[in-house]
C-alpha atoms as a PDB file:
ATOM      1  CA  MET A   1       0.000   0.000   0.000  1.00  0.00           C
ATOM      2  CA  SER A   2       1.378   3.371  -0.987  1.00  0.00           C
ATOM      3  CA  ASP A   3       2.067   6.224   1.440  1.00  0.00           C
ATOM      4  CA  ARG A   4      -0.575   8.281  -0.316  1.00  0.00           C
ATOM      5  CA  THR A   5      -3.241   5.669   0.328  1.00  0.00           C
ATOM      6  CA  LEU A   6      -2.340   5.535   4.058  1.00  0.00           C
ATOM      7  CA  THR A   7      -2.554   9.320   4.310  1.00  0.00           C
ATOM      8  CA  GLU A   8      -5.973   9.435   2.706  1.00  0.00           C
ATOM      9  CA  ARG A   9      -7.321   6.712   4.996  1.00  0.00           C
ATOM     10  CA  ALA A  10      -5.998   8.523   8.097  1.00  0.00           C
ATOM     11  CA  ARG A  11      -7.616  11.771   6.952  1.00  0.00           C
ATOM     12  CA  ALA A  12     -10.887   9.932   6.415  1.00  0.00           C
ATOM     13  CA  LEU A  13     -10.863   8.705  10.033  1.00  0.00           C
ATOM     14  CA  PHE A  14     -10.958  12.313  11.277  1.00  0.00           C
ATOM     15  CA  THR A  15     -13.179  13.922   8.685  1.00  0.00           C
ATOM     16  CA  GLU A  16     -15.779  11.209   8.034  1.00  0.00           C
ATOM     17  CA  ASN A  17     -19.030  12.019   9.941  1.00  0.00           C
ATOM     18  CA  LEU A  18     -17.264  15.001  11.546  1.00  0.00           C
ATOM     19  CA  ASN A  19     -20.457  16.638  12.867  1.00  0.00           C
ATOM     20  CA  LEU A  20     -21.568  13.433  14.561  1.00  0.00           C
ATOM     21  CA  LYS A  21     -18.174  13.040  16.160  1.00  0.00           C
ATOM     22  CA  LEU A  22     -18.208  16.619  17.495  1.00  0.00           C
ATOM     23  CA  VAL A  23     -21.671  16.137  18.997  1.00  0.00           C
ATOM     24  CA  SER A  24     -20.501  12.929  20.674  1.00  0.00           C
ATOM     25  CA  LEU A  25     -17.424  14.681  22.109  1.00  0.00           C
ATOM     26  CA  PHE A  26     -19.513  17.543  23.481  1.00  0.00           C
ATOM     27  CA  GLY A  27     -21.951  15.098  25.082  1.00  0.00           C
ATOM     28  CA  ALA A  28     -19.108  13.221  26.706  1.00  0.00           C
ATOM     29  CA  LEU A  29     -17.712  16.418  28.196  1.00  0.00           C
ATOM     30  CA  VAL A  30     -21.128  17.439  29.561  1.00  0.00           C
ATOM     31  CA  LEU A  31     -21.655  13.997  31.052  1.00  0.00           C
ATOM     32  CA  TYR A  32     -18.212  14.098  32.668  1.00  0.00           C
ATOM     33  CA  SER A  33     -18.851  17.527  34.205  1.00  0.00           C
ATOM     34  CA  LEU A  34     -22.234  16.430  35.548  1.00  0.00           C
ATOM     35  CA  VAL A  35     -20.831  13.288  37.110  1.00  0.00           C
ATOM     36  CA  HIS A  36     -17.735  15.045  38.470  1.00  0.00           C
ATOM     37  CA  GLY A  37     -19.706  18.015  39.850  1.00  0.00           C
ATOM     38  CA  ALA A  38     -22.173  15.732  41.631  1.00  0.00           C
ATOM     39  CA  GLN A  39     -19.455  13.838  43.492  1.00  0.00           C
ATOM     40  CA  ASP A  40     -19.363  14.306  47.287  1.00  0.00           C
ATOM     41  CA  ALA A  41     -16.328  16.370  48.375  1.00  0.00           C
ATOM     42  CA  GLN A  42     -14.849  18.352  51.266  1.00  0.00           C
ATOM     43  CA  ARG A  43     -13.307  21.802  51.458  1.00  0.00           C
ATOM     44  CA  ALA A  44     -11.671  23.698  54.335  1.00  0.00           C
ATOM     45  CA  MET A  45     -12.177  27.451  54.630  1.00  0.00           C
ATOM     46  CA  SER A  46     -11.104  30.109  57.136  1.00  0.00           C
ATOM     47  CA  VAL A  47     -13.949  32.033  58.766  1.00  0.00           C
ATOM     48  CA  ASP A  48     -13.617  35.280  60.769  1.00  0.00           C
ATOM     49  CA  LEU A  49     -14.351  34.937  64.495  1.00  0.00           C
ATOM     50  CA  VAL A  50     -16.530  37.699  65.959  1.00  0.00           C
ATOM     51  CA  VAL A  51     -16.783  37.822  69.762  1.00  0.00           C
ATOM     52  CA  VAL A  52     -19.453  39.878  71.543  1.00  0.00           C
ATOM     53  CA  LEU A  53     -17.648  41.158  74.667  1.00  0.00           C
ATOM     54  CA  PRO A  54     -19.161  42.635  77.851  1.00  0.00           C
ATOM     55  CA  PRO A  55     -20.043  46.371  77.825  1.00  0.00           C
ATOM     56  CA  ASP A  56     -17.831  48.803  79.743  1.00  0.00           C
ATOM     57  CA  THR A  57     -20.460  49.017  82.492  1.00  0.00           C
ATOM     58  CA  ALA A  58     -19.937  45.322  83.300  1.00  0.00           C
ATOM     59  CA  ASN A  59     -16.383  46.054  84.539  1.00  0.00           C
ATOM     60  CA  ARG A  60     -15.112  42.788  83.086  1.00  0.00           C
ATOM     61  CA  VAL A  61     -12.291  42.488  80.587  1.00  0.00           C
ATOM     62  CA  LEU A  62     -10.936  39.618  78.525  1.00  0.00           C
ATOM     63  CA  VAL A  63      -7.228  39.072  79.224  1.00  0.00           C
ATOM     64  CA  SER A  64      -6.615  35.934  77.134  1.00  0.00           C
ATOM     65  CA  PRO A  65      -5.819  36.060  73.388  1.00  0.00           C
ATOM     66  CA  LEU A  66      -8.384  35.070  70.775  1.00  0.00           C
ATOM     67  CA  PRO A  67      -7.819  33.517  67.357  1.00  0.00           C
ATOM     68  CA  PRO A  68      -8.878  35.941  64.621  1.00  0.00           C
ATOM     69  CA  GLN A  69     -10.260  33.069  62.539  1.00  0.00           C
ATOM     70  CA  VAL A  70     -11.405  29.468  62.813  1.00  0.00           C
ATOM     71  CA  ARG A  71     -11.068  26.742  60.203  1.00  0.00           C
ATOM     72  CA  VAL A  72     -14.293  25.176  58.958  1.00  0.00           C
ATOM     73  CA  THR A  73     -14.470  21.915  56.977  1.00  0.00           C
ATOM     74  CA  LEU A  74     -17.474  21.809  54.613  1.00  0.00           C
ATOM     75  CA  ARG A  75     -19.075  18.938  52.724  1.00  0.00           C
ATOM     76  CA  SER A  76     -21.109  19.187  49.518  1.00  0.00           C
ATOM     77  CA  SER A  77     -20.891  18.412  45.828  1.00  0.00           C
ATOM     78  CA  GLN A  78     -17.636  19.348  44.179  1.00  0.00           C
ATOM     79  CA  GLY A  79     -19.423  21.839  41.985  1.00  0.00           C
ATOM     80  CA  LYS A  80     -20.981  23.743  44.890  1.00  0.00           C
ATOM     81  CA  LEU A  81     -17.748  23.761  46.854  1.00  0.00           C
ATOM     82  CA  ASP A  82     -15.821  25.107  43.874  1.00  0.00           C
ATOM     83  CA  GLU A  83     -18.269  27.988  43.557  1.00  0.00           C
ATOM     84  CA  LEU A  84     -18.371  28.730  47.294  1.00  0.00           C
ATOM     85  CA  ARG A  85     -16.786  32.014  48.450  1.00  0.00           C
ATOM     86  CA  THR A  86     -15.957  33.287  51.941  1.00  0.00           C
ATOM     87  CA  ASP A  87     -18.698  35.933  51.638  1.00  0.00           C
ATOM     88  CA  ASP A  88     -21.241  33.148  51.201  1.00  0.00           C
ATOM     89  CA  ILE A  89     -20.482  31.947  54.742  1.00  0.00           C
ATOM     90  CA  GLY A  90     -19.909  35.199  56.636  1.00  0.00           C
ATOM     91  CA  ASN A  91     -18.447  34.944  60.135  1.00  0.00           C
ATOM     92  CA  LEU A  92     -18.783  32.838  63.241  1.00  0.00           C
ATOM     93  CA  GLN A  93     -20.171  34.815  66.167  1.00  0.00           C
ATOM     94  CA  VAL A  94     -19.648  33.956  69.844  1.00  0.00           C
ATOM     95  CA  ASP A  95     -21.631  35.821  72.506  1.00  0.00           C
ATOM     96  CA  VAL A  96     -19.833  36.146  75.855  1.00  0.00           C
ATOM     97  CA  HIS A  97     -21.286  39.527  76.877  1.00  0.00           C
ATOM     98  CA  THR A  98     -21.819  38.368  80.479  1.00  0.00           C
ATOM     99  CA  GLY A  99     -18.065  38.067  81.033  1.00  0.00           C
ATOM    100  CA  GLN A 100     -18.519  34.767  82.882  1.00  0.00           C
ATOM    101  CA  ASP A 101     -17.991  32.100  80.195  1.00  0.00           C
ATOM    102  CA  LYS A 102     -14.718  30.240  80.621  1.00  0.00           C
ATOM    103  CA  ARG A 103     -15.098  27.851  77.680  1.00  0.00           C
ATOM    104  CA  VAL A 104     -17.404  27.951  74.663  1.00  0.00           C
ATOM    105  CA  MET A 105     -18.058  24.982  72.379  1.00  0.00           C
ATOM    106  CA  LEU A 106     -18.161  25.965  68.719  1.00  0.00           C
ATOM    107  CA  ASP A 107     -21.308  24.348  67.366  1.00  0.00           C
ATOM    108  CA  LYS A 108     -21.835  23.616  63.683  1.00  0.00           C
ATOM    109  CA  THR A 109     -25.051  25.646  63.769  1.00  0.00           C
ATOM    110  CA  MET A 110     -22.982  28.778  64.427  1.00  0.00           C
ATOM    111  CA  VAL A 111     -21.777  28.676  60.817  1.00  0.00           C
ATOM    112  CA  HIS A 112     -24.322  29.799  58.200  1.00  0.00           C
ATOM    113  CA  VAL A 113     -23.834  27.911  54.940  1.00  0.00           C
ATOM    114  CA  PRO A 114     -25.858  27.795  51.695  1.00  0.00           C
ATOM    115  CA  ALA A 115     -28.427  25.071  51.119  1.00  0.00           C
ATOM    116  CA  GLY A 116     -26.880  21.759  50.198  1.00  0.00           C
ATOM    117  CA  VAL A 117     -23.668  22.484  52.143  1.00  0.00           C
ATOM    118  CA  THR A 118     -23.038  20.944  55.577  1.00  0.00           C
ATOM    119  CA  VAL A 119     -20.437  21.720  58.255  1.00  0.00           C
ATOM    120  CA  GLU A 120     -18.285  18.706  59.028  1.00  0.00           C
ATOM    121  CA  GLN A 121     -15.799  20.139  61.515  1.00  0.00           C
ATOM    122  CA  ILE A 122     -14.679  23.365  63.238  1.00  0.00           C
ATOM    123  CA  ASP A 123     -11.075  23.834  64.318  1.00  0.00           C
ATOM    124  CA  PRO A 124     -10.533  24.682  67.126  1.00  0.00           C
ATOM    125  CA  PRO A 125     -13.674  23.037  68.498  1.00  0.00           C
ATOM    126  CA  THR A 126     -13.627  25.161  71.686  1.00  0.00           C
ATOM    127  CA  ILE A 127     -12.403  28.599  72.777  1.00  0.00           C
ATOM    128  CA  ASP A 128     -11.188  29.319  76.309  1.00  0.00           C
ATOM    129  CA  PHE A 129     -11.751  32.721  77.926  1.00  0.00           C
ATOM    130  CA  GLN A 130      -9.843  34.221  80.832  1.00  0.00           C
ATOM    131  CA  TRP A 131     -11.446  37.232  82.514  1.00  0.00           C
ATOM    132  CA  ASP A 132     -10.415  39.859  85.042  1.00  0.00           C
ATOM    133  CA  ASP A 133     -12.301  42.490  87.011  1.00  0.00           C
ATOM    134  CA  VAL A 134     -11.861  46.108  85.926  1.00  0.00           C
ATOM    135  CA  ILE A 135     -11.101  48.367  88.908  1.00  0.00           C
ATOM    136  CA  LEU A 136     -10.333  52.032  89.580  1.00  0.00           C
ATOM    137  CA  ARG A 137      -7.417  53.311  91.659  1.00  0.00           C
ATOM    138  CA  ASP A 138      -5.919  56.680  92.486  1.00  0.00           C
ATOM    139  CA  VAL A 139      -2.118  56.729  92.209  1.00  0.00           C
ATOM    140  CA  PRO A 140       0.280  59.595  92.978  1.00  0.00           C
ATOM    141  CA  VAL A 141       1.999  61.487  90.194  1.00  0.00           C
ATOM    142  CA  GLN A 142       5.781  61.172  90.257  1.00  0.00           C
ATOM    143  CA  VAL A 143       7.695  64.211  88.979  1.00  0.00           C
ATOM    144  CA  SER A 144      11.443  64.563  88.421  1.00  0.00           C
ATOM    145  CA  VAL A 145      13.720  67.308  87.120  1.00  0.00           C
ATOM    146  CA  VAL A 146      16.348  67.218  84.414  1.00  0.00           C
ATOM    147  CA  GLY A 147      19.094  69.733  83.694  1.00  0.00           C
ATOM    148  CA  THR A 148      20.781  72.308  85.924  1.00  0.00           C
ATOM    149  CA  PRO A 149      19.650  75.862  86.705  1.00  0.00           C
ATOM    150  CA  ALA A 150      21.876  78.815  85.865  1.00  0.00           C
ATOM    151  CA  PRO A 151      25.023  79.169  88.042  1.00  0.00           C
ATOM    152  CA  GLY A 152      24.148  80.420  91.523  1.00  0.00           C
ATOM    153  CA  TYR A 153      20.588  79.045  91.408  1.00  0.00           C
ATOM    154  CA  VAL A 154      18.954  75.878  92.667  1.00  0.00           C
ATOM    155  CA  VAL A 155      15.607  74.098  92.516  1.00  0.00           C
ATOM    156  CA  LYS A 156      13.627  74.684  95.684  1.00  0.00           C
ATOM    157  CA  GLY A 157      12.232  71.441  97.014  1.00  0.00           C
ATOM    158  CA  VAL A 158      10.410  68.970  94.771  1.00  0.00           C
ATOM    159  CA  PRO A 159       8.250  70.050  91.790  1.00  0.00           C
ATOM    160  CA  ALA A 160       4.542  69.842  92.604  1.00  0.00           C
ATOM    161  CA  ALA A 161       2.017  68.164  90.316  1.00  0.00           C
ATOM    162  CA  ASN A 162      -1.584  69.323  89.966  1.00  0.00           C
ATOM    163  CA  PRO A 163      -3.488  67.103  90.379  1.00  0.00           C
ATOM    164  CA  LYS A 164      -1.320  65.196  92.825  1.00  0.00           C
ATOM    165  CA  ASP A 165      -3.110  61.936  92.005  1.00  0.00           C
ATOM    166  CA  VAL A 166      -4.605  60.530  88.825  1.00  0.00           C
ATOM    167  CA  ARG A 167      -7.274  57.864  88.470  1.00  0.00           C
ATOM    168  CA  VAL A 168      -6.249  54.652  86.763  1.00  0.00           C
ATOM    169  CA  ARG A 169      -8.651  52.132  85.225  1.00  0.00           C
ATOM    170  CA  GLY A 170      -7.804  48.635  84.072  1.00  0.00           C
ATOM    171  CA  PRO A 171      -7.644  44.926  84.910  1.00  0.00           C
ATOM    172  CA  LYS A 172      -7.024  44.220  88.575  1.00  0.00           C
ATOM    173  CA  SER A 173      -4.007  42.041  87.765  1.00  0.00           C
ATOM    174  CA  GLU A 174      -2.305  44.878  85.863  1.00  0.00           C
ATOM    175  CA  LEU A 175      -3.173  47.682  88.277  1.00  0.00           C
ATOM    176  CA  SER A 176      -1.654  45.789  91.196  1.00  0.00           C
ATOM    177  CA  THR A 177       1.833  46.510  89.801  1.00  0.00           C
ATOM    178  CA  ILE A 178       1.289  50.254  89.238  1.00  0.00           C
ATOM    179  CA  GLN A 179       2.454  52.316  92.208  1.00  0.00           C
ATOM    180  CA  PHE A 180       2.570  55.756  90.585  1.00  0.00           C
ATOM    181  CA  ALA A 181       2.020  57.665  87.360  1.00  0.00           C
ATOM    182  CA  ARG A 182       5.295  58.999  85.977  1.00  0.00           C
ATOM    183  CA  ALA A 183       5.155  62.473  84.457  1.00  0.00           C
ATOM    184  CA  GLU A 184       7.617  63.773  81.884  1.00  0.00           C
ATOM    185  CA  ALA A 185      10.749  65.258  83.506  1.00  0.00           C
ATOM    186  CA  PHE A 186      10.681  68.998  84.203  1.00  0.00           C
ATOM    187  CA  ASP A 187      13.617  70.648  82.393  1.00  0.00           C
ATOM    188  CA  VAL A 188      15.224  73.360  84.565  1.00  0.00           C
ATOM    189  CA  SER A 189      18.270  73.934  82.353  1.00  0.00           C
ATOM    190  CA  GLY A 190      19.529  77.531  82.602  1.00  0.00           C
ATOM    191  CA  LEU A 191      16.596  78.816  84.689  1.00  0.00           C
ATOM    192  CA  THR A 192      17.099  81.702  87.120  1.00  0.00           C
ATOM    193  CA  ALA A 193      15.050  82.752  90.153  1.00  0.00           C
ATOM    194  CA  GLY A 194      11.290  82.512  89.678  1.00  0.00           C
ATOM    195  CA  ASN A 195       8.234  80.257  89.617  1.00  0.00           C
ATOM    196  CA  TYR A 196       7.732  78.067  86.566  1.00  0.00           C
ATOM    197  CA  SER A 197       4.861  75.864  85.439  1.00  0.00           C
ATOM    198  CA  HIS A 198       4.460  73.449  82.543  1.00  0.00           C
ATOM    199  CA  ALA A 199       1.845  70.945  81.354  1.00  0.00           C
ATOM    200  CA  LEU A 200       3.686  67.642  81.194  1.00  0.00           C
ATOM    201  CA  ALA A 201       2.561  64.390  79.620  1.00  0.00           C
ATOM    202  CA  ILE A 202       2.057  61.256  81.700  1.00  0.00           C
ATOM    203  CA  ASP A 203       3.918  58.164  80.537  1.00  0.00           C
ATOM    204  CA  HIS A 204       1.380  55.508  79.589  1.00  0.00           C
ATOM    205  CA  PRO A 205       2.179  52.058  81.018  1.00  0.00           C
ATOM    206  CA  GLY A 206       0.623  50.305  78.024  1.00  0.00           C
ATOM    207  CA  GLY A 207      -1.626  47.283  78.041  1.00  0.00           C
ATOM    208  CA  ARG A 208      -5.273  47.723  79.009  1.00  0.00           C
ATOM    209  CA  VAL A 209      -4.582  50.451  81.597  1.00  0.00           C
ATOM    210  CA  THR A 210      -5.951  53.974  81.039  1.00  0.00           C
ATOM    211  CA  PHE A 211      -5.570  57.252  82.942  1.00  0.00           C
ATOM    212  CA  ASP A 212      -8.349  59.784  83.430  1.00  0.00           C
ATOM    213  CA  THR A 213      -5.996  62.493  82.138  1.00  0.00           C
ATOM    214  CA  ARG A 214      -3.057  62.583  79.744  1.00  0.00           C
ATOM    215  CA  THR A 215      -1.248  65.598  81.229  1.00  0.00           C
ATOM    216  CA  VAL A 216      -0.663  67.221  84.608  1.00  0.00           C
ATOM    217  CA  ASN A 217       0.404  70.741  85.458  1.00  0.00           C
ATOM    218  CA  VAL A 218       3.799  70.748  87.198  1.00  0.00           C
ATOM    219  CA  ALA A 219       5.150  73.791  89.053  1.00  0.00           C
ATOM    220  CA  THR A 220       8.614  74.401  90.474  1.00  0.00           C
ATOM    221  CA  GLU A 221      10.505  77.303  92.018  1.00  0.00           C
ATOM    222  CA  ILE A 222      14.068  78.327  91.228  1.00  0.00           C
ATOM    223  CA  MET A 223      15.849  80.388  93.884  1.00  0.00           C
ATOM    224  CA  SER A 224      19.266  81.946  94.225  1.00  0.00           C
ATOM    225  CA  LEU A 225      21.855  80.407  96.540  1.00  0.00           C
ATOM    226  CA  THR A 226      22.866  82.083  99.790  1.00  0.00           C
ATOM    227  CA  GLU A 227      26.502  82.160 100.878  1.00  0.00           C
ATOM    228  CA  ARG A 228      27.739  81.552 104.425  1.00  0.00           C
ATOM    229  CA  ASN A 229      31.368  81.969 105.495  1.00  0.00           C
ATOM    230  CA  PHE A 230      32.968  79.963 108.292  1.00  0.00           C
ATOM    231  CA  ILE A 231      36.405  81.181 109.383  1.00  0.00           C
ATOM    232  CA  LYS A 232      39.259  79.153 110.899  1.00  0.00           C
ATOM    233  CA  LEU A 233      37.645  75.764 111.167  1.00  0.00           C
ATOM    234  CA  ALA A 234      39.840  72.942 112.504  1.00  0.00           C
ATOM    235  CA  VAL A 235      40.651  70.202 109.978  1.00  0.00           C
ATOM    236  CA  ALA A 236      39.717  66.700 111.162  1.00  0.00           C
ATOM    237  CA  VAL A 237      41.822  63.672 110.116  1.00  0.00           C
ATOM    238  CA  THR A 238      40.383  60.199 109.528  1.00  0.00           C
ATOM    239  CA  GLY A 239      42.347  57.000 108.974  1.00  0.00           C
ATOM    240  CA  LYS A 240      45.179  57.734 111.443  1.00  0.00           C
ATOM    241  CA  SER A 241      45.032  58.819 115.054  1.00  0.00           C
ATOM    242  CA  HIS A 242      47.283  61.617 116.304  1.00  0.00           C
ATOM    243  CA  ALA A 243      47.924  62.862 112.756  1.00  0.00           C
ATOM    244  CA  LYS A 244      48.280  66.623 112.330  1.00  0.00           C
ATOM    245  CA  THR A 245      47.695  68.965 109.407  1.00  0.00           C
ATOM    246  CA  THR A 246      49.521  72.042 108.252  1.00  0.00           C
ATOM    247  CA  PRO A 247      47.793  74.422 108.334  1.00  0.00           C
ATOM    248  CA  GLY A 248      45.520  73.139 111.075  1.00  0.00           C
ATOM    249  CA  GLU A 249      42.621  75.437 110.156  1.00  0.00           C
ATOM    250  CA  VAL A 250      40.874  76.459 106.915  1.00  0.00           C
ATOM    251  CA  ASP A 251      38.168  78.896 105.828  1.00  0.00           C
ATOM    252  CA  VAL A 252      34.968  77.512 104.306  1.00  0.00           C
ATOM    253  CA  ARG A 253      32.457  79.328 102.100  1.00  0.00           C
ATOM    254  CA  LEU A 254      29.158  77.488 101.487  1.00  0.00           C
ATOM    255  CA  SER A 255      26.629  78.254  98.745  1.00  0.00           C
ATOM    256  CA  CYS A 256      23.282  76.788  99.846  1.00  0.00           C
ATOM    257  CA  PRO A 257      19.557  77.255  99.452  1.00  0.00           C
ATOM    258  CA  PRO A 258      18.486  80.064 101.799  1.00  0.00           C
ATOM    259  CA  ASP A 259      16.615  77.844 104.262  1.00  0.00           C
ATOM    260  CA  ILE A 260      19.615  75.520 104.655  1.00  0.00           C
ATOM    261  CA  ALA A 261      22.202  78.301 104.799  1.00  0.00           C
ATOM    262  CA  ASN A 262      20.306  80.199 107.490  1.00  0.00           C
ATOM    263  CA  ALA A 263      19.872  77.100 109.661  1.00  0.00           C
ATOM    264  CA  LEU A 264      23.524  75.959 109.552  1.00  0.00           C
ATOM    265  CA  ARG A 265      25.541  75.981 112.773  1.00  0.00           C
ATOM    266  CA  GLU A 266      29.330  76.120 112.823  1.00  0.00           C
ATOM    267  CA  GLU A 267      29.678  72.678 114.431  1.00  0.00           C
ATOM    268  CA  GLN A 268      27.807  71.179 111.444  1.00  0.00           C
ATOM    269  CA  VAL A 269      30.531  72.304 109.043  1.00  0.00           C
ATOM    270  CA  VAL A 270      33.505  69.942 109.460  1.00  0.00           C
ATOM    271  CA  PRO A 271      36.434  70.139 107.015  1.00  0.00           C
ATOM    272  CA  ARG A 272      38.318  66.834 106.916  1.00  0.00           C
ATOM    273  CA  VAL A 273      41.005  64.842 105.159  1.00  0.00           C
ATOM    274  CA  GLU A 274      41.232  61.072 104.814  1.00  0.00           C
ATOM    275  CA  ILE A 275      44.443  59.040 105.056  1.00  0.00           C
ATOM    276  CA  LYS A 276      44.090  55.844 103.031  1.00  0.00           C
ATOM    277  CA  ASN A 277      47.621  54.447 103.433  1.00  0.00           C
ATOM    278  CA  ALA A 278      48.755  55.060 107.006  1.00  0.00           C
ATOM    279  CA  ALA A 279      51.417  52.371 107.444  1.00  0.00           C
ATOM    280  CA  GLY A 280      54.322  53.516 109.606  1.00  0.00           C
ATOM    281  CA  SER A 281      54.990  57.246 109.613  1.00  0.00           C
ATOM    282  CA  GLY A 282      54.946  59.746 106.811  1.00  0.00           C
ATOM    283  CA  SER A 283      53.326  62.808 105.303  1.00  0.00           C
ATOM    284  CA  GLU A 284      51.025  63.542 102.388  1.00  0.00           C
ATOM    285  CA  SER A 285      49.311  66.469 100.698  1.00  0.00           C
ATOM    286  CA  LEU A 286      45.540  65.861 100.809  1.00  0.00           C
ATOM    287  CA  THR A 287      42.453  67.692  99.563  1.00  0.00           C
ATOM    288  CA  VAL A 288      40.147  69.072 102.238  1.00  0.00           C
ATOM    289  CA  ILE A 289      36.566  67.768 101.992  1.00  0.00           C
ATOM    290  CA  VAL A 290      33.452  69.507 103.304  1.00  0.00           C
ATOM    291  CA  GLY A 291      30.152  67.716 102.875  1.00  0.00           C
ATOM    292  CA  VAL A 292      26.916  69.610 103.521  1.00  0.00           C
ATOM    293  CA  ASP A 293      23.776  68.324 101.788  1.00  0.00           C
ATOM    294  CA  LYS A 294      22.542  70.538  98.913  1.00  0.00           C
ATOM    295  CA  CYS A 295      25.440  72.978  99.432  1.00  0.00           C
ATOM    296  CA  GLU A 296      28.526  73.716  97.371  1.00  0.00           C
ATOM    297  CA  ALA A 297      31.698  74.161  99.435  1.00  0.00           C
ATOM    298  CA  HIS A 298      34.715  76.349  98.660  1.00  0.00           C
ATOM    299  CA  VAL A 299      37.713  75.712 100.974  1.00  0.00           C
ATOM    300  CA  THR A 300      40.760  77.987 101.454  1.00  0.00           C
ATOM    301  CA  PRO A 301      43.319  76.513 101.275  1.00  0.00           C
ATOM    302  CA  ASN A 302      41.865  73.468  99.571  1.00  0.00           C
ATOM    303  CA  THR A 303      44.867  71.210 100.386  1.00  0.00           C
ATOM    304  CA  VAL A 304      46.868  70.648 103.575  1.00  0.00           C
ATOM    305  CA  ILE A 305      49.983  68.668 104.515  1.00  0.00           C
ATOM    306  CA  VAL A 306      49.191  65.741 106.810  1.00  0.00           C
ATOM    307  CA  LYS A 307      51.931  64.211 109.002  1.00  0.00           C
ATOM    308  CA  TRP A 308      51.667  61.026 111.050  1.00  0.00           C
END
């Protein structure tokens, strides 16, 4: 048989009764799609979880985390499952508005599905809830200063906050660790004598805790230092008994807040030197130290010779 004859016979297999063959092919495809689409199948989809929480007036708060979604396994025909969209299901709603439920079973009836679709499984099957009471407490405002006033000036006392206390609201477990509300530091850099006031923000502790105000008014007073002179004060020696200094007396000038300077008595101002290595005998030039709280000391002379 020639190659030409084979070619013609092969062409005849495809072209002979072509319309009938096309109709048969189309029918086969339709039948396949009907059979395949009617087959029972499963599909897993993620569904948003909506939780109805207690109102603020209930003074109950949820302190445990919640999953944003749950996984739902659906059963239906393959065709319906293929066409199913998330919007067709919506969300799964859990009502715990009483604030007392500790565990909720996720029932299949909570998921709304189209007709012909059934819910096979929900994962997780339960949700645990941990609650805490919401309480109110008044805590003091803590204020600090930063910076240094201009030379010759000092901050008088401790800056005062108005109000002195703020009300805090939140879970009892979190409020038990809050002892005060910290205000932003009051910057006194370069200030001279006078009264100053600023509205300062309160540092938020984070979490579920809230304050009844975000700022407090903080006032402070800057005053000039007062100088007191103490003449010919004996130098005390520590670290070695019977040691002597040359000279044995020094002059001390103190710059202090007025209330401290005016209340100082001479016996409270003690210039001293400290011998750290007193083995055997010897001598050493040491700096004279005068320590008076909140005062700056100027000593003349500021060093003495110590012999032991």
